[in-house]
Amino acid sequence: MALYEWQRGEYRITTDPAQIDLDVVHGFLTTSYWAWGITRDRVARSIAGSIPFGLFEGDRQVAFARVISDCSTFAWLADVFVLPDARSRGLSVWLVETVLLHPELQGLRRWSLATRDAHSLYARFGFVGLATPERLMELRPGNAEAGGPAPSSAQQGGRLQP
């Protein structure tokens, strides 16, 4: 995948994973409601397996988002945040706008995301509630890192053994 960069005044967005400040991203995510307690290794692997968008003020990373996608039909927008001291500058709007305009993410059939508190941000870009939530399912296996329940015996029986 090609690397992209956008500039707006003193701010810059890059998709270069080598420029992402893992300390900043992990530091924020580990205290977020959606990734509380996530390990640094898991954050690093999530960045490696997606398209990262780091937003920088000068050399300091102040915001982040990532996209998980096949770059053909579907994309999931995840881990979007702006550090508290960089908020109220329109950076979240610019970040989401940039993500949606990424050249390799054009023509997708569907974008998805989950949010507890930023509906108005995403609504301005056309995101809406699910039209058919009854069609969607999820699997949330137990995970000691996230403090969830242990997998049921049915879930364990369906797993491949190492």
N, C-alpha and C. Protein backbone atom coordinates (compact mmCIF):
# COMPACT_ATOMS: atom_id res chain seq x y z
N MET A 1 0.84 -1.17 0.00
CA MET A 1 0.00 0.00 0.00
C MET A 1 0.89 1.24 0.00
N ALA A 2 0.51 2.19 -0.79
CA ALA A 2 1.25 3.45 -0.88
C ALA A 2 1.06 4.26 0.41
N LEU A 3 2.04 5.09 0.72
CA LEU A 3 1.96 5.97 1.87
C LEU A 3 1.48 7.33 1.40
N TYR A 4 0.64 7.96 2.21
CA TYR A 4 0.07 9.26 1.85
C TYR A 4 0.30 10.25 2.98
N GLU A 5 0.32 11.52 2.61
CA GLU A 5 0.49 12.59 3.59
C GLU A 5 -0.33 13.80 3.16
N TRP A 6 -0.96 14.45 4.13
CA TRP A 6 -1.75 15.66 3.89
C TRP A 6 -1.26 16.72 4.87
N GLN A 7 -1.25 17.97 4.42
CA GLN A 7 -0.77 19.07 5.25
C GLN A 7 -1.87 20.13 5.35
N ARG A 8 -2.05 20.70 6.53
CA ARG A 8 -2.97 21.81 6.74
C ARG A 8 -2.33 22.70 7.80
N GLY A 9 -1.71 23.79 7.33
CA GLY A 9 -1.02 24.69 8.25
C GLY A 9 0.07 23.95 9.00
N GLU A 10 0.04 24.03 10.32
CA GLU A 10 1.06 23.38 11.14
C GLU A 10 0.76 21.90 11.39
N TYR A 11 -0.35 21.41 10.85
CA TYR A 11 -0.76 20.03 11.07
C TYR A 11 -0.50 19.16 9.84
N ARG A 12 -0.23 17.89 10.12
CA ARG A 12 0.07 16.93 9.06
C ARG A 12 -0.55 15.60 9.42
N ILE A 13 -1.14 14.92 8.42
CA ILE A 13 -1.64 13.56 8.60
C ILE A 13 -0.81 12.65 7.70
N THR A 14 -0.38 11.52 8.26
CA THR A 14 0.39 10.56 7.48
C THR A 14 -0.16 9.16 7.69
N THR A 15 -0.01 8.33 6.67
CA THR A 15 -0.36 6.91 6.80
C THR A 15 0.89 6.06 6.95
N ASP A 16 2.01 6.66 7.17
CA ASP A 16 3.27 5.93 7.33
C ASP A 16 3.31 5.32 8.73
N PRO A 17 3.22 3.99 8.82
CA PRO A 17 3.22 3.36 10.15
C PRO A 17 4.51 3.62 10.93
N ALA A 18 5.61 3.87 10.25
CA ALA A 18 6.88 4.13 10.92
C ALA A 18 6.86 5.45 11.67
N GLN A 19 5.95 6.35 11.31
CA GLN A 19 5.87 7.65 11.98
C GLN A 19 4.89 7.67 13.16
N ILE A 20 4.08 6.63 13.28
CA ILE A 20 3.11 6.58 14.37
C ILE A 20 3.84 6.46 15.70
N ASP A 21 3.48 7.31 16.66
CA ASP A 21 4.08 7.29 17.98
C ASP A 21 3.32 6.27 18.83
N LEU A 22 3.85 5.08 18.93
CA LEU A 22 3.19 4.00 19.64
C LEU A 22 2.93 4.35 21.10
N ASP A 23 3.82 5.14 21.71
CA ASP A 23 3.60 5.56 23.10
C ASP A 23 2.34 6.39 23.22
N VAL A 24 2.12 7.30 22.28
CA VAL A 24 0.93 8.16 22.30
C VAL A 24 -0.32 7.31 22.08
N VAL A 25 -0.30 6.48 21.05
CA VAL A 25 -1.49 5.68 20.72
C VAL A 25 -1.82 4.71 21.85
N HIS A 26 -0.82 3.96 22.30
CA HIS A 26 -1.07 3.02 23.40
C HIS A 26 -1.50 3.77 24.66
N GLY A 27 -0.83 4.86 24.96
CA GLY A 27 -1.17 5.64 26.15
C GLY A 27 -2.62 6.08 26.17
N PHE A 28 -3.14 6.51 25.02
CA PHE A 28 -4.53 6.92 24.97
C PHE A 28 -5.46 5.72 25.00
N LEU A 29 -5.20 4.74 24.15
CA LEU A 29 -6.12 3.60 24.03
C LEU A 29 -6.24 2.81 25.33
N THR A 30 -5.17 2.69 26.07
CA THR A 30 -5.22 1.89 27.30
C THR A 30 -6.18 2.47 28.33
N THR A 31 -6.55 3.74 28.18
CA THR A 31 -7.49 4.36 29.11
C THR A 31 -8.85 4.66 28.46
N SER A 32 -9.02 4.30 27.19
CA SER A 32 -10.28 4.57 26.49
C SER A 32 -11.35 3.56 26.88
N TYR A 33 -12.61 3.91 26.67
CA TYR A 33 -13.69 2.98 27.02
C TYR A 33 -13.71 1.77 26.10
N TRP A 34 -13.19 1.87 24.89
CA TRP A 34 -13.27 0.76 23.95
C TRP A 34 -12.04 -0.15 23.95
N ALA A 35 -10.95 0.30 24.52
CA ALA A 35 -9.74 -0.53 24.51
C ALA A 35 -9.02 -0.50 25.85
N TRP A 36 -9.77 -0.24 26.90
CA TRP A 36 -9.20 -0.12 28.23
C TRP A 36 -8.29 -1.31 28.53
N GLY A 37 -7.07 -1.03 28.97
CA GLY A 37 -6.15 -2.07 29.38
C GLY A 37 -5.45 -2.82 28.25
N ILE A 38 -5.63 -2.39 27.03
CA ILE A 38 -5.00 -3.08 25.89
C ILE A 38 -3.49 -3.05 26.03
N THR A 39 -2.85 -4.13 25.63
CA THR A 39 -1.39 -4.19 25.75
C THR A 39 -0.72 -3.42 24.60
N ARG A 40 0.49 -3.04 24.85
CA ARG A 40 1.29 -2.33 23.83
C ARG A 40 1.49 -3.22 22.61
N ASP A 41 1.76 -4.50 22.82
CA ASP A 41 1.95 -5.42 21.70
C ASP A 41 0.69 -5.52 20.84
N ARG A 42 -0.46 -5.59 21.47
CA ARG A 42 -1.72 -5.68 20.71
C ARG A 42 -1.95 -4.40 19.90
N VAL A 43 -1.63 -3.25 20.47
CA VAL A 43 -1.76 -1.99 19.72
C VAL A 43 -0.81 -2.00 18.52
N ALA A 44 0.42 -2.42 18.73
CA ALA A 44 1.39 -2.48 17.62
C ALA A 44 0.91 -3.41 16.52
N ARG A 45 0.37 -4.57 16.89
CA ARG A 45 -0.14 -5.51 15.88
C ARG A 45 -1.37 -4.94 15.17
N SER A 46 -2.21 -4.21 15.88
CA SER A 46 -3.40 -3.62 15.24
C SER A 46 -3.00 -2.56 14.22
N ILE A 47 -1.97 -1.81 14.51
CA ILE A 47 -1.48 -0.81 13.57
C ILE A 47 -0.87 -1.49 12.35
N ALA A 48 -0.10 -2.54 12.59
CA ALA A 48 0.55 -3.26 11.49
C ALA A 48 -0.47 -3.91 10.55
N GLY A 49 -1.65 -4.26 11.07
CA GLY A 49 -2.66 -4.92 10.27
C GLY A 49 -3.74 -4.00 9.73
N SER A 50 -3.47 -2.72 9.69
CA SER A 50 -4.47 -1.76 9.23
C SER A 50 -3.79 -0.58 8.54
N ILE A 51 -4.59 0.37 8.11
CA ILE A 51 -4.05 1.61 7.55
C ILE A 51 -4.11 2.65 8.67
N PRO A 52 -2.96 3.05 9.20
CA PRO A 52 -2.96 4.03 10.29
C PRO A 52 -2.95 5.46 9.77
N PHE A 53 -3.59 6.33 10.51
CA PHE A 53 -3.60 7.75 10.20
C PHE A 53 -3.13 8.49 11.45
N GLY A 54 -1.90 8.99 11.41
CA GLY A 54 -1.37 9.78 12.52
C GLY A 54 -1.48 11.25 12.19
N LEU A 55 -2.05 12.03 13.10
CA LEU A 55 -2.17 13.47 12.90
C LEU A 55 -1.17 14.14 13.84
N PHE A 56 -0.31 14.96 13.25
CA PHE A 56 0.79 15.58 13.98
C PHE A 56 0.67 17.09 13.97
N GLU A 57 1.03 17.68 15.11
CA GLU A 57 1.23 19.13 15.22
C GLU A 57 2.74 19.29 15.33
N GLY A 58 3.36 19.72 14.24
CA GLY A 58 4.82 19.70 14.20
C GLY A 58 5.28 18.26 14.26
N ASP A 59 6.12 17.94 15.24
CA ASP A 59 6.62 16.58 15.41
C ASP A 59 5.82 15.77 16.44
N ARG A 60 4.84 16.39 17.05
CA ARG A 60 4.08 15.73 18.13
C ARG A 60 2.78 15.14 17.61
N GLN A 61 2.58 13.85 17.84
CA GLN A 61 1.32 13.23 17.42
C GLN A 61 0.23 13.64 18.39
N VAL A 62 -0.89 14.17 17.83
CA VAL A 62 -1.99 14.64 18.67
C VAL A 62 -3.30 13.92 18.38
N ALA A 63 -3.33 13.08 17.34
CA ALA A 63 -4.57 12.37 17.01
C ALA A 63 -4.23 11.11 16.22
N PHE A 64 -5.20 10.22 16.13
CA PHE A 64 -4.98 8.94 15.48
C PHE A 64 -6.31 8.35 15.03
N ALA A 65 -6.24 7.56 13.98
CA ALA A 65 -7.35 6.71 13.53
C ALA A 65 -6.72 5.58 12.74
N ARG A 66 -7.46 4.51 12.58
CA ARG A 66 -6.98 3.44 11.71
C ARG A 66 -8.17 2.82 11.00
N VAL A 67 -7.88 2.23 9.85
CA VAL A 67 -8.91 1.60 9.04
C VAL A 67 -8.51 0.15 8.77
N ILE A 68 -9.44 -0.74 9.01
CA ILE A 68 -9.26 -2.15 8.68
C ILE A 68 -10.10 -2.36 7.42
N SER A 69 -9.46 -2.79 6.33
CA SER A 69 -10.18 -2.86 5.06
C SER A 69 -9.56 -3.84 4.09
N ASP A 70 -10.40 -4.33 3.17
CA ASP A 70 -9.89 -5.10 2.03
C ASP A 70 -9.62 -4.17 0.85
N CYS A 71 -9.88 -2.87 1.03
CA CYS A 71 -9.66 -1.82 0.01
C CYS A 71 -10.46 -2.09 -1.27
N SER A 72 -11.54 -2.83 -1.15
CA SER A 72 -12.38 -3.12 -2.30
C SER A 72 -13.86 -3.01 -1.96
N THR A 73 -14.28 -3.61 -0.84
CA THR A 73 -15.71 -3.63 -0.54
C THR A 73 -16.07 -3.08 0.83
N PHE A 74 -15.17 -3.15 1.81
CA PHE A 74 -15.55 -2.87 3.18
C PHE A 74 -14.41 -2.20 3.94
N ALA A 75 -14.78 -1.33 4.88
CA ALA A 75 -13.80 -0.72 5.79
C ALA A 75 -14.43 -0.52 7.15
N TRP A 76 -13.63 -0.71 8.18
CA TRP A 76 -14.02 -0.46 9.56
C TRP A 76 -13.12 0.65 10.08
N LEU A 77 -13.72 1.76 10.51
CA LEU A 77 -12.99 2.88 11.08
C LEU A 77 -12.89 2.66 12.59
N ALA A 78 -11.68 2.69 13.10
CA ALA A 78 -11.46 2.32 14.51
C ALA A 78 -10.46 3.23 15.19
N ASP A 79 -10.52 3.22 16.51
CA ASP A 79 -9.52 3.85 17.37
C ASP A 79 -9.31 5.33 17.07
N VAL A 80 -10.37 6.03 16.74
CA VAL A 80 -10.28 7.46 16.43
C VAL A 80 -10.21 8.25 17.74
N PHE A 81 -9.17 9.09 17.85
CA PHE A 81 -9.10 9.97 19.01
C PHE A 81 -8.26 11.20 18.70
N VAL A 82 -8.53 12.25 19.45
CA VAL A 82 -7.72 13.46 19.49
C VAL A 82 -7.35 13.67 20.95
N LEU A 83 -6.09 13.90 21.23
CA LEU A 83 -5.67 14.12 22.61
C LEU A 83 -6.43 15.31 23.20
N PRO A 84 -6.75 15.25 24.49
CA PRO A 84 -7.55 16.32 25.11
C PRO A 84 -7.02 17.72 24.89
N ASP A 85 -5.70 17.91 24.96
CA ASP A 85 -5.16 19.27 24.82
C ASP A 85 -5.13 19.76 23.37
N ALA A 86 -5.52 18.93 22.42
CA ALA A 86 -5.56 19.33 21.01
C ALA A 86 -7.00 19.40 20.47
N ARG A 87 -7.96 19.25 21.33
CA ARG A 87 -9.37 19.26 20.90
C ARG A 87 -9.86 20.69 20.66
N SER A 88 -11.02 20.79 20.05
CA SER A 88 -11.68 22.08 19.74
C SER A 88 -10.91 22.88 18.69
N ARG A 89 -10.23 22.19 17.79
CA ARG A 89 -9.51 22.84 16.70
C ARG A 89 -9.96 22.30 15.34
N GLY A 90 -11.00 21.47 15.34
CA GLY A 90 -11.48 20.89 14.10
C GLY A 90 -10.66 19.71 13.61
N LEU A 91 -9.77 19.20 14.44
CA LEU A 91 -8.88 18.12 14.02
C LEU A 91 -9.62 16.80 13.81
N SER A 92 -10.63 16.51 14.63
CA SER A 92 -11.36 15.26 14.44
C SER A 92 -12.11 15.26 13.11
N VAL A 93 -12.66 16.41 12.74
CA VAL A 93 -13.35 16.52 11.45
C VAL A 93 -12.37 16.33 10.31
N TRP A 94 -11.23 17.01 10.37
CA TRP A 94 -10.23 16.87 9.31
C TRP A 94 -9.71 15.44 9.23
N LEU A 95 -9.49 14.80 10.39
CA LEU A 95 -8.99 13.43 10.40
C LEU A 95 -9.98 12.47 9.74
N VAL A 96 -11.25 12.52 10.11
CA VAL A 96 -12.25 11.62 9.51
C VAL A 96 -12.43 11.95 8.03
N GLU A 97 -12.45 13.21 7.69
CA GLU A 97 -12.56 13.60 6.27
C GLU A 97 -11.40 13.01 5.46
N THR A 98 -10.21 13.10 5.98
CA THR A 98 -9.03 12.58 5.30
C THR A 98 -9.11 11.06 5.15
N VAL A 99 -9.53 10.39 6.21
CA VAL A 99 -9.69 8.93 6.15
C VAL A 99 -10.65 8.57 5.02
N LEU A 100 -11.78 9.24 4.96
CA LEU A 100 -12.81 8.91 3.96
C LEU A 100 -12.39 9.26 2.54
N LEU A 101 -11.43 10.17 2.39
CA LEU A 101 -10.96 10.57 1.07
C LEU A 101 -9.69 9.82 0.64
N HIS A 102 -9.20 8.91 1.46
CA HIS A 102 -7.99 8.16 1.13
C HIS A 102 -8.17 7.51 -0.24
N PRO A 103 -7.22 7.71 -1.14
CA PRO A 103 -7.37 7.22 -2.52
C PRO A 103 -7.64 5.72 -2.64
N GLU A 104 -7.09 4.91 -1.76
CA GLU A 104 -7.26 3.46 -1.88
C GLU A 104 -8.51 2.95 -1.17
N LEU A 105 -9.29 3.87 -0.61
CA LEU A 105 -10.53 3.49 0.08
C LEU A 105 -11.76 4.05 -0.62
N GLN A 106 -11.63 4.36 -1.88
CA GLN A 106 -12.76 4.89 -2.65
C GLN A 106 -13.56 3.76 -3.27
N GLY A 107 -14.86 3.95 -3.40
CA GLY A 107 -15.73 2.98 -4.05
C GLY A 107 -16.12 1.79 -3.20
N LEU A 108 -15.86 1.86 -1.90
CA LEU A 108 -16.25 0.76 -1.03
C LEU A 108 -17.78 0.67 -0.93
N ARG A 109 -18.28 -0.53 -0.70
CA ARG A 109 -19.72 -0.72 -0.55
C ARG A 109 -20.20 -0.33 0.84
N ARG A 110 -19.34 -0.42 1.84
CA ARG A 110 -19.78 -0.15 3.20
C ARG A 110 -18.62 0.28 4.08
N TRP A 111 -18.90 1.27 4.91
CA TRP A 111 -18.02 1.68 6.00
C TRP A 111 -18.77 1.38 7.30
N SER A 112 -18.07 0.94 8.31
CA SER A 112 -18.68 0.71 9.62
C SER A 112 -17.78 1.29 10.71
N LEU A 113 -18.38 1.54 11.85
CA LEU A 113 -17.66 1.97 13.03
C LEU A 113 -18.55 1.75 14.23
N ALA A 114 -17.98 1.88 15.40
CA ALA A 114 -18.74 1.82 16.64
C ALA A 114 -18.32 3.01 17.49
N THR A 115 -19.30 3.65 18.11
CA THR A 115 -19.01 4.78 18.99
C THR A 115 -20.05 4.84 20.09
N ARG A 116 -19.62 5.32 21.23
CA ARG A 116 -20.54 5.52 22.34
C ARG A 116 -20.94 7.00 22.45
N ASP A 117 -20.04 7.89 21.98
CA ASP A 117 -20.26 9.30 22.28
C ASP A 117 -19.93 10.28 21.16
N ALA A 118 -19.65 9.81 19.95
CA ALA A 118 -19.26 10.73 18.88
C ALA A 118 -20.19 10.64 17.66
N HIS A 119 -21.45 10.34 17.90
CA HIS A 119 -22.40 10.19 16.80
C HIS A 119 -22.49 11.43 15.92
N SER A 120 -22.47 12.60 16.53
CA SER A 120 -22.61 13.83 15.74
C SER A 120 -21.41 14.05 14.81
N LEU A 121 -20.23 13.66 15.24
CA LEU A 121 -19.05 13.77 14.37
C LEU A 121 -19.25 12.93 13.12
N TYR A 122 -19.61 11.67 13.30
CA TYR A 122 -19.71 10.75 12.17
C TYR A 122 -20.95 11.02 11.32
N ALA A 123 -22.02 11.52 11.91
CA ALA A 123 -23.24 11.82 11.17
C ALA A 123 -22.99 12.89 10.11
N ARG A 124 -22.11 13.82 10.38
CA ARG A 124 -21.83 14.87 9.39
C ARG A 124 -21.20 14.32 8.12
N PHE A 125 -20.69 13.08 8.19
CA PHE A 125 -20.11 12.43 7.01
C PHE A 125 -21.04 11.38 6.41
N GLY A 126 -22.24 11.28 6.95
CA GLY A 126 -23.23 10.36 6.39
C GLY A 126 -23.40 9.05 7.14
N PHE A 127 -22.65 8.83 8.21
CA PHE A 127 -22.85 7.61 8.99
C PHE A 127 -24.21 7.68 9.69
N VAL A 128 -24.91 6.58 9.69
CA VAL A 128 -26.23 6.47 10.33
C VAL A 128 -26.27 5.18 11.15
N GLY A 129 -27.32 5.06 11.93
CA GLY A 129 -27.53 3.81 12.67
C GLY A 129 -27.76 2.67 11.69
N LEU A 130 -27.62 1.46 12.17
CA LEU A 130 -27.77 0.29 11.32
C LEU A 130 -29.20 0.16 10.78
N ALA A 131 -29.32 -0.05 9.48
CA ALA A 131 -30.63 -0.23 8.86
C ALA A 131 -31.19 -1.60 9.21
N THR A 132 -30.34 -2.59 9.32
CA THR A 132 -30.79 -3.96 9.61
C THR A 132 -29.90 -4.58 10.69
N PRO A 133 -30.01 -4.10 11.92
CA PRO A 133 -29.14 -4.63 12.98
C PRO A 133 -29.37 -6.12 13.23
N GLU A 134 -30.56 -6.60 12.89
CA GLU A 134 -30.85 -8.02 13.11
C GLU A 134 -30.01 -8.94 12.22
N ARG A 135 -29.37 -8.40 11.19
CA ARG A 135 -28.52 -9.20 10.31
C ARG A 135 -27.10 -9.33 10.82
N LEU A 136 -26.72 -8.50 11.74
CA LEU A 136 -25.34 -8.50 12.21
C LEU A 136 -25.19 -9.36 13.44
N MET A 137 -24.06 -10.00 13.51
CA MET A 137 -23.71 -10.81 14.68
C MET A 137 -22.28 -10.50 15.07
N GLU A 138 -21.93 -10.87 16.26
CA GLU A 138 -20.55 -10.70 16.70
C GLU A 138 -20.16 -11.86 17.60
N LEU A 139 -18.88 -12.09 17.68
CA LEU A 139 -18.31 -13.07 18.59
C LEU A 139 -17.33 -12.31 19.45
N ARG A 140 -17.51 -12.39 20.74
CA ARG A 140 -16.63 -11.71 21.69
C ARG A 140 -16.02 -12.74 22.62
N PRO A 141 -15.00 -13.45 22.14
CA PRO A 141 -14.39 -14.48 22.99
C PRO A 141 -13.82 -13.89 24.27
N GLY A 142 -13.83 -14.67 25.32
CA GLY A 142 -13.25 -14.22 26.58
C GLY A 142 -11.79 -13.85 26.38
N ASN A 143 -11.35 -12.87 27.12
CA ASN A 143 -9.99 -12.39 26.96
C ASN A 143 -9.53 -11.84 28.31
N ALA A 144 -8.53 -12.46 28.88
CA ALA A 144 -8.03 -12.02 30.18
C ALA A 144 -7.55 -10.58 30.13
N GLU A 145 -6.98 -10.19 28.98
CA GLU A 145 -6.48 -8.81 28.84
C GLU A 145 -7.61 -7.81 28.98
N ALA A 146 -8.77 -8.12 28.39
CA ALA A 146 -9.90 -7.20 28.42
C ALA A 146 -10.81 -7.46 29.61
N GLY A 147 -10.52 -8.50 30.40
CA GLY A 147 -11.33 -8.77 31.58
C GLY A 147 -12.66 -9.41 31.27
N GLY A 148 -12.82 -9.98 30.07
CA GLY A 148 -14.08 -10.61 29.69
C GLY A 148 -14.19 -12.01 30.23
N PRO A 149 -15.36 -12.63 30.01
CA PRO A 149 -15.56 -13.99 30.50
C PRO A 149 -14.75 -15.00 29.70
N ALA A 150 -14.51 -16.14 30.27
CA ALA A 150 -13.82 -17.21 29.55
C ALA A 150 -14.72 -17.74 28.45
N PRO A 151 -14.16 -18.22 27.35
CA PRO A 151 -14.97 -18.77 26.27
C PRO A 151 -15.77 -19.97 26.76
N SER A 152 -16.97 -20.15 26.20
CA SER A 152 -17.77 -21.31 26.55
C SER A 152 -17.14 -22.56 25.95
N SER A 153 -17.57 -23.72 26.41
CA SER A 153 -17.02 -24.97 25.87
C SER A 153 -17.35 -25.11 24.40
N ALA A 154 -18.49 -24.58 23.95
CA ALA A 154 -18.84 -24.63 22.52
C ALA A 154 -17.84 -23.81 21.71
N GLN A 155 -17.46 -22.64 22.23
CA GLN A 155 -16.48 -21.82 21.53
C GLN A 155 -15.13 -22.51 21.51
N GLN A 156 -14.73 -23.10 22.62
CA GLN A 156 -13.44 -23.76 22.68
C GLN A 156 -13.39 -24.95 21.74
N GLY A 157 -14.51 -25.68 21.61
CA GLY A 157 -14.54 -26.84 20.74
C GLY A 157 -14.37 -26.50 19.27
N GLY A 158 -14.69 -25.27 18.89
CA GLY A 158 -14.58 -24.87 17.49
C GLY A 158 -13.23 -24.29 17.13
N ARG A 159 -12.33 -24.22 18.07
CA ARG A 159 -11.04 -23.61 17.81
C ARG A 159 -10.05 -24.63 17.27
N LEU A 160 -9.16 -24.14 16.46
CA LEU A 160 -8.06 -24.98 15.99
C LEU A 160 -7.05 -25.12 17.11
N GLN A 161 -6.53 -26.28 17.29
CA GLN A 161 -5.53 -26.52 18.33
C GLN A 161 -4.14 -26.23 17.77
N PRO A 162 -3.25 -25.65 18.57
CA PRO A 162 -1.90 -25.35 18.08
C PRO A 162 -1.11 -26.61 17.82
